[in-house]
Each structure stands twice: as C-alpha cells, then as structure tokens.
Amino acid sequence: MITLNEISVTLKEKEIFQLIATISPENATDKIVWSSSNDKVATVSEDGLVTGVSLGQATITATCGYISATCTVVVTEENGVENIISDENSSYSVYTVDGRLVKNNCKKQELEYLPKGIYIIVSEKGHYKISI
C-alpha cells in the first residue's frame, strides 16, 4: 500500500510543496516513481517536490511497483502582494484606484486577505499598483 501526506493541494504559480509517500510494508524494495499528468500546470521531482507552474489542475502520482497513490494539485494565480511587497515589518495603506481608503496602517499579512480587485498600496518606501 502507498499513501501520500495530502490528497489535494492548492498552490500559487512558482510555489512548491513537498509530497511524502509512505509505503507499507516498510521493507518494500521498489523505488517510488513520481509523475505529473500535466507538466505545464505542475511538475514533480524524483523526491516528490511539487512546483506550481501555471493555472490549472494536474494529478501527481506516486507509483511503487504495481501500486500508486495520487494527489490533485490546483494551481492558482500568484498573489500580487507577494510579488511586490517583501518587507514584513512595514506598514501599508490600501486605496482603491479612485482614491478611497480601504485599510490603513496594516501589515503585509493583512494584504493577502483583501477581496479580489485592483488597489494602490502605499508605504514609506513608495507606492504600488497591484491586482489581487
């Protein structure tokens, strides 16, 4: 029997996740072979490291001899907050494109929970226009 630590995972583009396969009985000698149903969406290394490539869904399969286990991987768009803002300690003000204040004096982590939209983010280091 072979099992994986997850049966489904959601990743952002370029995000990585470690799948771990457990084989029973533990003394099985066959090597685990990893594969992706769609390398354009998600790739997997020979050690089970999954990388989100582009939007979509792929199935990652771990095969050992004649048995296998799968994990569904859904890749979503990379969040613009991660691309532009890297300073965890700064404070940010968030405005709509028409200038309405949405959030004031918030941390990077709070920006990740904004509803989808286009915002102008202002910090002491400058301002950024992002899409979430």
N, C-alpha and C. Protein backbone atom coordinates (compact mmCIF):
# COMPACT_ATOMS: atom_id res chain seq x y z
N MET A 1 0.85 -1.18 0.00
CA MET A 1 0.00 0.00 0.00
C MET A 1 0.90 1.24 0.00
N ILE A 2 0.44 2.27 -0.68
CA ILE A 2 1.16 3.55 -0.70
C ILE A 2 0.17 4.66 -0.38
N THR A 3 0.57 5.58 0.49
CA THR A 3 -0.28 6.73 0.82
C THR A 3 0.57 8.00 0.72
N LEU A 4 -0.11 9.10 0.47
CA LEU A 4 0.55 10.41 0.39
C LEU A 4 0.11 11.26 1.56
N ASN A 5 0.95 12.23 1.94
CA ASN A 5 0.62 13.11 3.06
C ASN A 5 -0.55 14.04 2.75
N GLU A 6 -0.87 14.24 1.47
CA GLU A 6 -2.03 15.05 1.06
C GLU A 6 -2.70 14.40 -0.14
N ILE A 7 -4.02 14.53 -0.24
CA ILE A 7 -4.72 14.03 -1.42
C ILE A 7 -5.08 15.17 -2.38
N SER A 8 -5.03 16.41 -1.88
CA SER A 8 -5.22 17.57 -2.76
C SER A 8 -4.50 18.76 -2.15
N VAL A 9 -3.94 19.59 -3.05
CA VAL A 9 -3.17 20.75 -2.64
C VAL A 9 -3.48 21.89 -3.60
N THR A 10 -3.58 23.11 -3.06
CA THR A 10 -3.71 24.30 -3.89
C THR A 10 -2.42 25.09 -3.76
N LEU A 11 -1.80 25.39 -4.90
CA LEU A 11 -0.55 26.14 -4.93
C LEU A 11 -0.72 27.37 -5.79
N LYS A 12 0.11 28.35 -5.54
CA LYS A 12 0.20 29.50 -6.43
C LYS A 12 1.28 29.20 -7.46
N GLU A 13 1.30 29.95 -8.55
CA GLU A 13 2.35 29.79 -9.53
C GLU A 13 3.70 29.98 -8.85
N LYS A 14 4.65 29.12 -9.13
CA LYS A 14 6.02 29.13 -8.60
C LYS A 14 6.12 28.64 -7.16
N GLU A 15 5.01 28.35 -6.51
CA GLU A 15 5.04 27.83 -5.14
C GLU A 15 5.42 26.35 -5.17
N ILE A 16 6.09 25.89 -4.12
CA ILE A 16 6.47 24.49 -4.05
C ILE A 16 5.84 23.83 -2.83
N PHE A 17 5.69 22.50 -2.93
CA PHE A 17 5.10 21.72 -1.84
C PHE A 17 5.75 20.34 -1.85
N GLN A 18 6.07 19.84 -0.68
CA GLN A 18 6.69 18.52 -0.57
C GLN A 18 5.63 17.46 -0.33
N LEU A 19 5.45 16.57 -1.31
CA LEU A 19 4.60 15.40 -1.11
C LEU A 19 5.47 14.30 -0.52
N ILE A 20 4.92 13.59 0.44
CA ILE A 20 5.64 12.50 1.09
C ILE A 20 4.83 11.22 0.92
N ALA A 21 5.47 10.22 0.37
CA ALA A 21 4.83 8.92 0.17
C ALA A 21 5.24 7.98 1.29
N THR A 22 4.27 7.25 1.82
CA THR A 22 4.54 6.23 2.83
C THR A 22 4.15 4.88 2.25
N ILE A 23 5.10 3.95 2.31
CA ILE A 23 4.88 2.63 1.73
C ILE A 23 4.69 1.61 2.85
N SER A 24 3.76 0.71 2.65
CA SER A 24 3.53 -0.37 3.60
C SER A 24 3.51 -1.68 2.83
N PRO A 25 4.27 -2.68 3.19
CA PRO A 25 5.12 -2.75 4.37
C PRO A 25 6.37 -1.90 4.19
N GLU A 26 6.95 -1.51 5.31
CA GLU A 26 8.10 -0.62 5.31
C GLU A 26 9.33 -1.21 4.63
N ASN A 27 9.41 -2.51 4.52
CA ASN A 27 10.58 -3.16 3.94
C ASN A 27 10.45 -3.36 2.42
N ALA A 28 9.48 -2.70 1.79
CA ALA A 28 9.33 -2.80 0.34
C ALA A 28 10.60 -2.28 -0.33
N THR A 29 11.00 -2.92 -1.41
CA THR A 29 12.27 -2.56 -2.04
C THR A 29 12.10 -1.75 -3.32
N ASP A 30 10.89 -1.68 -3.85
CA ASP A 30 10.68 -0.90 -5.07
C ASP A 30 10.83 0.59 -4.79
N LYS A 31 11.39 1.30 -5.75
CA LYS A 31 11.58 2.74 -5.65
C LYS A 31 10.28 3.46 -6.03
N ILE A 32 10.04 4.60 -5.42
CA ILE A 32 8.86 5.41 -5.77
C ILE A 32 9.20 6.20 -7.03
N VAL A 33 8.29 6.15 -7.99
CA VAL A 33 8.43 6.93 -9.21
C VAL A 33 7.31 7.96 -9.21
N TRP A 34 7.70 9.24 -9.37
CA TRP A 34 6.74 10.34 -9.35
C TRP A 34 6.43 10.79 -10.77
N SER A 35 5.17 11.21 -11.01
CA SER A 35 4.82 11.74 -12.33
C SER A 35 3.69 12.77 -12.19
N SER A 36 3.61 13.63 -13.19
CA SER A 36 2.54 14.64 -13.25
C SER A 36 1.71 14.39 -14.50
N SER A 37 0.42 14.55 -14.37
CA SER A 37 -0.46 14.38 -15.54
C SER A 37 -0.35 15.56 -16.49
N ASN A 38 0.19 16.69 -16.01
CA ASN A 38 0.31 17.87 -16.86
C ASN A 38 1.46 18.75 -16.37
N ASP A 39 2.65 18.56 -16.96
CA ASP A 39 3.83 19.33 -16.56
C ASP A 39 3.69 20.83 -16.83
N LYS A 40 2.73 21.22 -17.65
CA LYS A 40 2.52 22.65 -17.90
C LYS A 40 1.80 23.33 -16.74
N VAL A 41 1.18 22.53 -15.88
CA VAL A 41 0.47 23.05 -14.71
C VAL A 41 1.29 22.84 -13.44
N ALA A 42 1.79 21.62 -13.24
CA ALA A 42 2.57 21.31 -12.04
C ALA A 42 3.61 20.24 -12.37
N THR A 43 4.81 20.44 -11.87
CA THR A 43 5.86 19.45 -12.06
C THR A 43 6.16 18.78 -10.72
N VAL A 44 6.80 17.62 -10.78
CA VAL A 44 7.18 16.91 -9.57
C VAL A 44 8.58 16.34 -9.77
N SER A 45 9.43 16.50 -8.75
CA SER A 45 10.80 16.00 -8.81
C SER A 45 10.81 14.51 -8.43
N GLU A 46 11.97 13.90 -8.58
CA GLU A 46 12.10 12.48 -8.22
C GLU A 46 11.99 12.26 -6.72
N ASP A 47 11.99 13.35 -5.95
CA ASP A 47 11.82 13.27 -4.49
C ASP A 47 10.44 13.71 -4.02
N GLY A 48 9.52 13.99 -4.94
CA GLY A 48 8.16 14.37 -4.57
C GLY A 48 7.95 15.85 -4.33
N LEU A 49 8.89 16.69 -4.76
CA LEU A 49 8.74 18.13 -4.59
C LEU A 49 7.91 18.66 -5.76
N VAL A 50 6.74 19.20 -5.45
CA VAL A 50 5.79 19.67 -6.46
C VAL A 50 5.94 21.17 -6.63
N THR A 51 5.97 21.63 -7.89
CA THR A 51 6.07 23.05 -8.19
C THR A 51 4.88 23.47 -9.04
N GLY A 52 4.17 24.52 -8.61
CA GLY A 52 3.10 25.09 -9.42
C GLY A 52 3.71 25.85 -10.58
N VAL A 53 3.27 25.56 -11.80
CA VAL A 53 3.84 26.18 -12.99
C VAL A 53 2.90 27.23 -13.57
N SER A 54 1.66 26.85 -13.84
CA SER A 54 0.69 27.79 -14.39
C SER A 54 -0.72 27.37 -14.00
N LEU A 55 -1.67 28.24 -14.22
CA LEU A 55 -3.06 28.00 -13.81
C LEU A 55 -3.58 26.68 -14.35
N GLY A 56 -4.30 25.96 -13.51
CA GLY A 56 -4.92 24.72 -13.95
C GLY A 56 -4.89 23.66 -12.87
N GLN A 57 -5.14 22.43 -13.31
CA GLN A 57 -5.18 21.30 -12.39
C GLN A 57 -4.36 20.16 -12.98
N ALA A 58 -3.64 19.46 -12.13
CA ALA A 58 -2.86 18.30 -12.53
C ALA A 58 -2.96 17.25 -11.43
N THR A 59 -2.72 16.01 -11.81
CA THR A 59 -2.68 14.92 -10.83
C THR A 59 -1.24 14.45 -10.70
N ILE A 60 -0.75 14.46 -9.48
CA ILE A 60 0.58 13.95 -9.20
C ILE A 60 0.41 12.51 -8.71
N THR A 61 1.17 11.60 -9.31
CA THR A 61 1.06 10.18 -8.97
C THR A 61 2.39 9.67 -8.44
N ALA A 62 2.32 8.94 -7.34
CA ALA A 62 3.47 8.23 -6.78
C ALA A 62 3.21 6.75 -7.02
N THR A 63 4.12 6.11 -7.75
CA THR A 63 3.96 4.70 -8.08
C THR A 63 5.11 3.91 -7.47
N CYS A 64 4.76 2.79 -6.88
CA CYS A 64 5.76 1.90 -6.30
C CYS A 64 5.36 0.49 -6.72
N GLY A 65 6.13 -0.07 -7.67
CA GLY A 65 5.76 -1.38 -8.21
C GLY A 65 4.45 -1.29 -8.96
N TYR A 66 3.45 -2.04 -8.50
CA TYR A 66 2.14 -2.05 -9.16
C TYR A 66 1.09 -1.22 -8.44
N ILE A 67 1.49 -0.53 -7.39
CA ILE A 67 0.52 0.28 -6.64
C ILE A 67 0.85 1.75 -6.79
N SER A 68 -0.18 2.60 -6.62
CA SER A 68 0.05 4.04 -6.74
C SER A 68 -0.93 4.80 -5.86
N ALA A 69 -0.59 6.06 -5.65
CA ALA A 69 -1.44 7.00 -4.91
C ALA A 69 -1.37 8.33 -5.64
N THR A 70 -2.45 9.11 -5.56
CA THR A 70 -2.49 10.37 -6.29
C THR A 70 -2.83 11.54 -5.39
N CYS A 71 -2.42 12.71 -5.87
CA CYS A 71 -2.74 13.98 -5.22
C CYS A 71 -3.16 14.96 -6.32
N THR A 72 -4.30 15.58 -6.15
CA THR A 72 -4.77 16.59 -7.09
C THR A 72 -4.14 17.93 -6.73
N VAL A 73 -3.52 18.57 -7.72
CA VAL A 73 -2.88 19.86 -7.49
C VAL A 73 -3.61 20.91 -8.33
N VAL A 74 -4.10 21.95 -7.66
CA VAL A 74 -4.73 23.07 -8.33
C VAL A 74 -3.78 24.25 -8.21
N VAL A 75 -3.44 24.84 -9.35
CA VAL A 75 -2.54 25.99 -9.34
C VAL A 75 -3.35 27.24 -9.64
N THR A 76 -3.23 28.24 -8.74
CA THR A 76 -3.95 29.50 -8.88
C THR A 76 -2.96 30.61 -9.20
N GLU A 77 -3.48 31.77 -9.52
CA GLU A 77 -2.61 32.91 -9.84
C GLU A 77 -1.77 33.31 -8.65
N GLU A 78 -0.57 33.74 -8.94
CA GLU A 78 0.31 34.24 -7.89
C GLU A 78 -0.26 35.57 -7.40
N ASN A 79 -0.30 35.74 -6.10
CA ASN A 79 -0.82 36.94 -5.49
C ASN A 79 0.14 38.11 -5.73
N GLY A 80 -0.37 39.22 -6.23
CA GLY A 80 0.45 40.38 -6.49
C GLY A 80 1.15 40.93 -5.25
N VAL A 81 0.56 40.72 -4.09
CA VAL A 81 1.17 41.19 -2.85
C VAL A 81 2.54 40.54 -2.66
N GLU A 82 2.64 39.26 -2.93
CA GLU A 82 3.90 38.55 -2.77
C GLU A 82 4.95 39.04 -3.76
N ASN A 83 4.52 39.40 -4.96
CA ASN A 83 5.46 39.82 -6.00
C ASN A 83 6.11 41.16 -5.69
N ILE A 84 5.38 42.06 -5.11
CA ILE A 84 5.84 43.43 -4.98
C ILE A 84 6.32 43.75 -3.58
N ILE A 85 5.61 43.32 -2.58
CA ILE A 85 5.89 43.73 -1.22
C ILE A 85 6.60 42.60 -0.49
N SER A 86 7.81 42.85 -0.04
CA SER A 86 8.56 41.80 0.62
C SER A 86 8.92 42.13 2.06
N ASP A 87 8.67 43.34 2.49
CA ASP A 87 9.05 43.75 3.84
C ASP A 87 7.93 43.43 4.82
N GLU A 88 8.17 42.45 5.69
CA GLU A 88 7.16 42.00 6.65
C GLU A 88 6.87 43.05 7.73
N ASN A 89 7.81 43.98 7.98
CA ASN A 89 7.68 44.89 9.10
C ASN A 89 7.09 46.25 8.76
N SER A 90 6.97 46.57 7.48
CA SER A 90 6.44 47.88 7.09
C SER A 90 4.93 47.95 7.31
N SER A 91 4.45 49.17 7.40
CA SER A 91 3.01 49.42 7.47
C SER A 91 2.55 49.93 6.11
N TYR A 92 1.36 49.54 5.73
CA TYR A 92 0.83 49.89 4.42
C TYR A 92 -0.55 50.51 4.54
N SER A 93 -0.86 51.41 3.62
CA SER A 93 -2.22 51.92 3.46
C SER A 93 -2.71 51.45 2.11
N VAL A 94 -3.96 51.05 2.05
CA VAL A 94 -4.53 50.48 0.84
C VAL A 94 -5.65 51.37 0.35
N TYR A 95 -5.59 51.71 -0.95
CA TYR A 95 -6.60 52.57 -1.56
C TYR A 95 -7.16 51.89 -2.81
N THR A 96 -8.42 52.19 -3.12
CA THR A 96 -8.96 51.78 -4.42
C THR A 96 -8.34 52.69 -5.47
N VAL A 97 -8.47 52.34 -6.74
CA VAL A 97 -7.87 53.16 -7.80
C VAL A 97 -8.49 54.55 -7.88
N ASP A 98 -9.70 54.72 -7.32
CA ASP A 98 -10.31 56.06 -7.31
C ASP A 98 -9.99 56.84 -6.03
N GLY A 99 -9.05 56.30 -5.20
CA GLY A 99 -8.56 57.05 -4.05
C GLY A 99 -9.24 56.80 -2.72
N ARG A 100 -10.21 55.89 -2.67
CA ARG A 100 -10.91 55.60 -1.41
C ARG A 100 -10.03 54.71 -0.53
N LEU A 101 -9.87 55.10 0.75
CA LEU A 101 -9.08 54.33 1.70
C LEU A 101 -9.81 53.04 2.05
N VAL A 102 -9.12 51.91 1.89
CA VAL A 102 -9.68 50.60 2.22
C VAL A 102 -9.16 50.12 3.57
N LYS A 103 -7.85 50.23 3.79
CA LYS A 103 -7.20 49.82 5.04
C LYS A 103 -6.06 50.77 5.32
N ASN A 104 -5.86 51.08 6.58
CA ASN A 104 -4.78 51.97 6.96
C ASN A 104 -3.88 51.27 7.98
N ASN A 105 -2.58 51.51 7.88
CA ASN A 105 -1.62 51.02 8.86
C ASN A 105 -1.71 49.51 9.05
N CYS A 106 -1.68 48.75 7.94
CA CYS A 106 -1.77 47.30 8.05
C CYS A 106 -0.45 46.65 7.65
N LYS A 107 -0.27 45.42 8.05
CA LYS A 107 0.94 44.64 7.75
C LYS A 107 0.71 43.83 6.48
N LYS A 108 1.81 43.34 5.92
CA LYS A 108 1.78 42.57 4.68
C LYS A 108 0.79 41.40 4.76
N GLN A 109 0.78 40.68 5.89
CA GLN A 109 -0.08 39.52 6.04
C GLN A 109 -1.55 39.88 5.85
N GLU A 110 -1.94 41.07 6.30
CA GLU A 110 -3.33 41.51 6.17
C GLU A 110 -3.70 41.78 4.71
N LEU A 111 -2.72 42.17 3.91
CA LEU A 111 -2.99 42.48 2.50
C LEU A 111 -3.43 41.25 1.73
N GLU A 112 -2.99 40.08 2.17
CA GLU A 112 -3.32 38.84 1.47
C GLU A 112 -4.79 38.50 1.58
N TYR A 113 -5.52 39.13 2.50
CA TYR A 113 -6.94 38.83 2.69
C TYR A 113 -7.87 39.86 2.08
N LEU A 114 -7.32 40.75 1.27
CA LEU A 114 -8.18 41.71 0.58
C LEU A 114 -9.02 40.99 -0.46
N PRO A 115 -10.24 41.47 -0.71
CA PRO A 115 -11.03 40.88 -1.79
C PRO A 115 -10.35 41.14 -3.14
N LYS A 116 -10.68 40.31 -4.12
CA LYS A 116 -10.09 40.50 -5.45
C LYS A 116 -10.39 41.89 -5.95
N GLY A 117 -9.41 42.50 -6.60
CA GLY A 117 -9.58 43.84 -7.14
C GLY A 117 -8.24 44.46 -7.46
N ILE A 118 -8.27 45.71 -7.83
CA ILE A 118 -7.05 46.46 -8.12
C ILE A 118 -6.91 47.53 -7.05
N TYR A 119 -5.73 47.60 -6.44
CA TYR A 119 -5.50 48.50 -5.33
C TYR A 119 -4.21 49.29 -5.53
N ILE A 120 -4.13 50.41 -4.85
CA ILE A 120 -2.88 51.15 -4.74
C ILE A 120 -2.43 50.99 -3.30
N ILE A 121 -1.23 50.48 -3.12
CA ILE A 121 -0.68 50.22 -1.80
C ILE A 121 0.44 51.21 -1.56
N VAL A 122 0.36 51.92 -0.44
CA VAL A 122 1.34 52.97 -0.13
C VAL A 122 2.08 52.59 1.15
N SER A 123 3.41 52.72 1.09
CA SER A 123 4.23 52.53 2.29
C SER A 123 5.25 53.65 2.35
N GLU A 124 6.06 53.64 3.40
CA GLU A 124 7.10 54.68 3.50
C GLU A 124 8.15 54.53 2.40
N LYS A 125 8.17 53.38 1.72
CA LYS A 125 9.15 53.14 0.65
C LYS A 125 8.61 53.47 -0.74
N GLY A 126 7.35 53.83 -0.84
CA GLY A 126 6.78 54.14 -2.14
C GLY A 126 5.36 53.63 -2.27
N HIS A 127 4.87 53.60 -3.50
CA HIS A 127 3.52 53.07 -3.71
C HIS A 127 3.55 52.08 -4.88
N TYR A 128 2.57 51.17 -4.86
CA TYR A 128 2.50 50.09 -5.83
C TYR A 128 1.05 49.93 -6.27
N LYS A 129 0.88 49.61 -7.51
CA LYS A 129 -0.46 49.28 -8.01
C LYS A 129 -0.47 47.78 -8.22
N ILE A 130 -1.39 47.09 -7.54
CA ILE A 130 -1.43 45.64 -7.64
C ILE A 130 -2.83 45.15 -7.94
N SER A 131 -2.89 43.96 -8.48
CA SER A 131 -4.13 43.24 -8.73
C SER A 131 -4.16 42.02 -7.83
N ILE A 132 -5.27 41.82 -7.17
CA ILE A 132 -5.42 40.62 -6.34
C ILE A 132 -6.55 39.79 -6.91
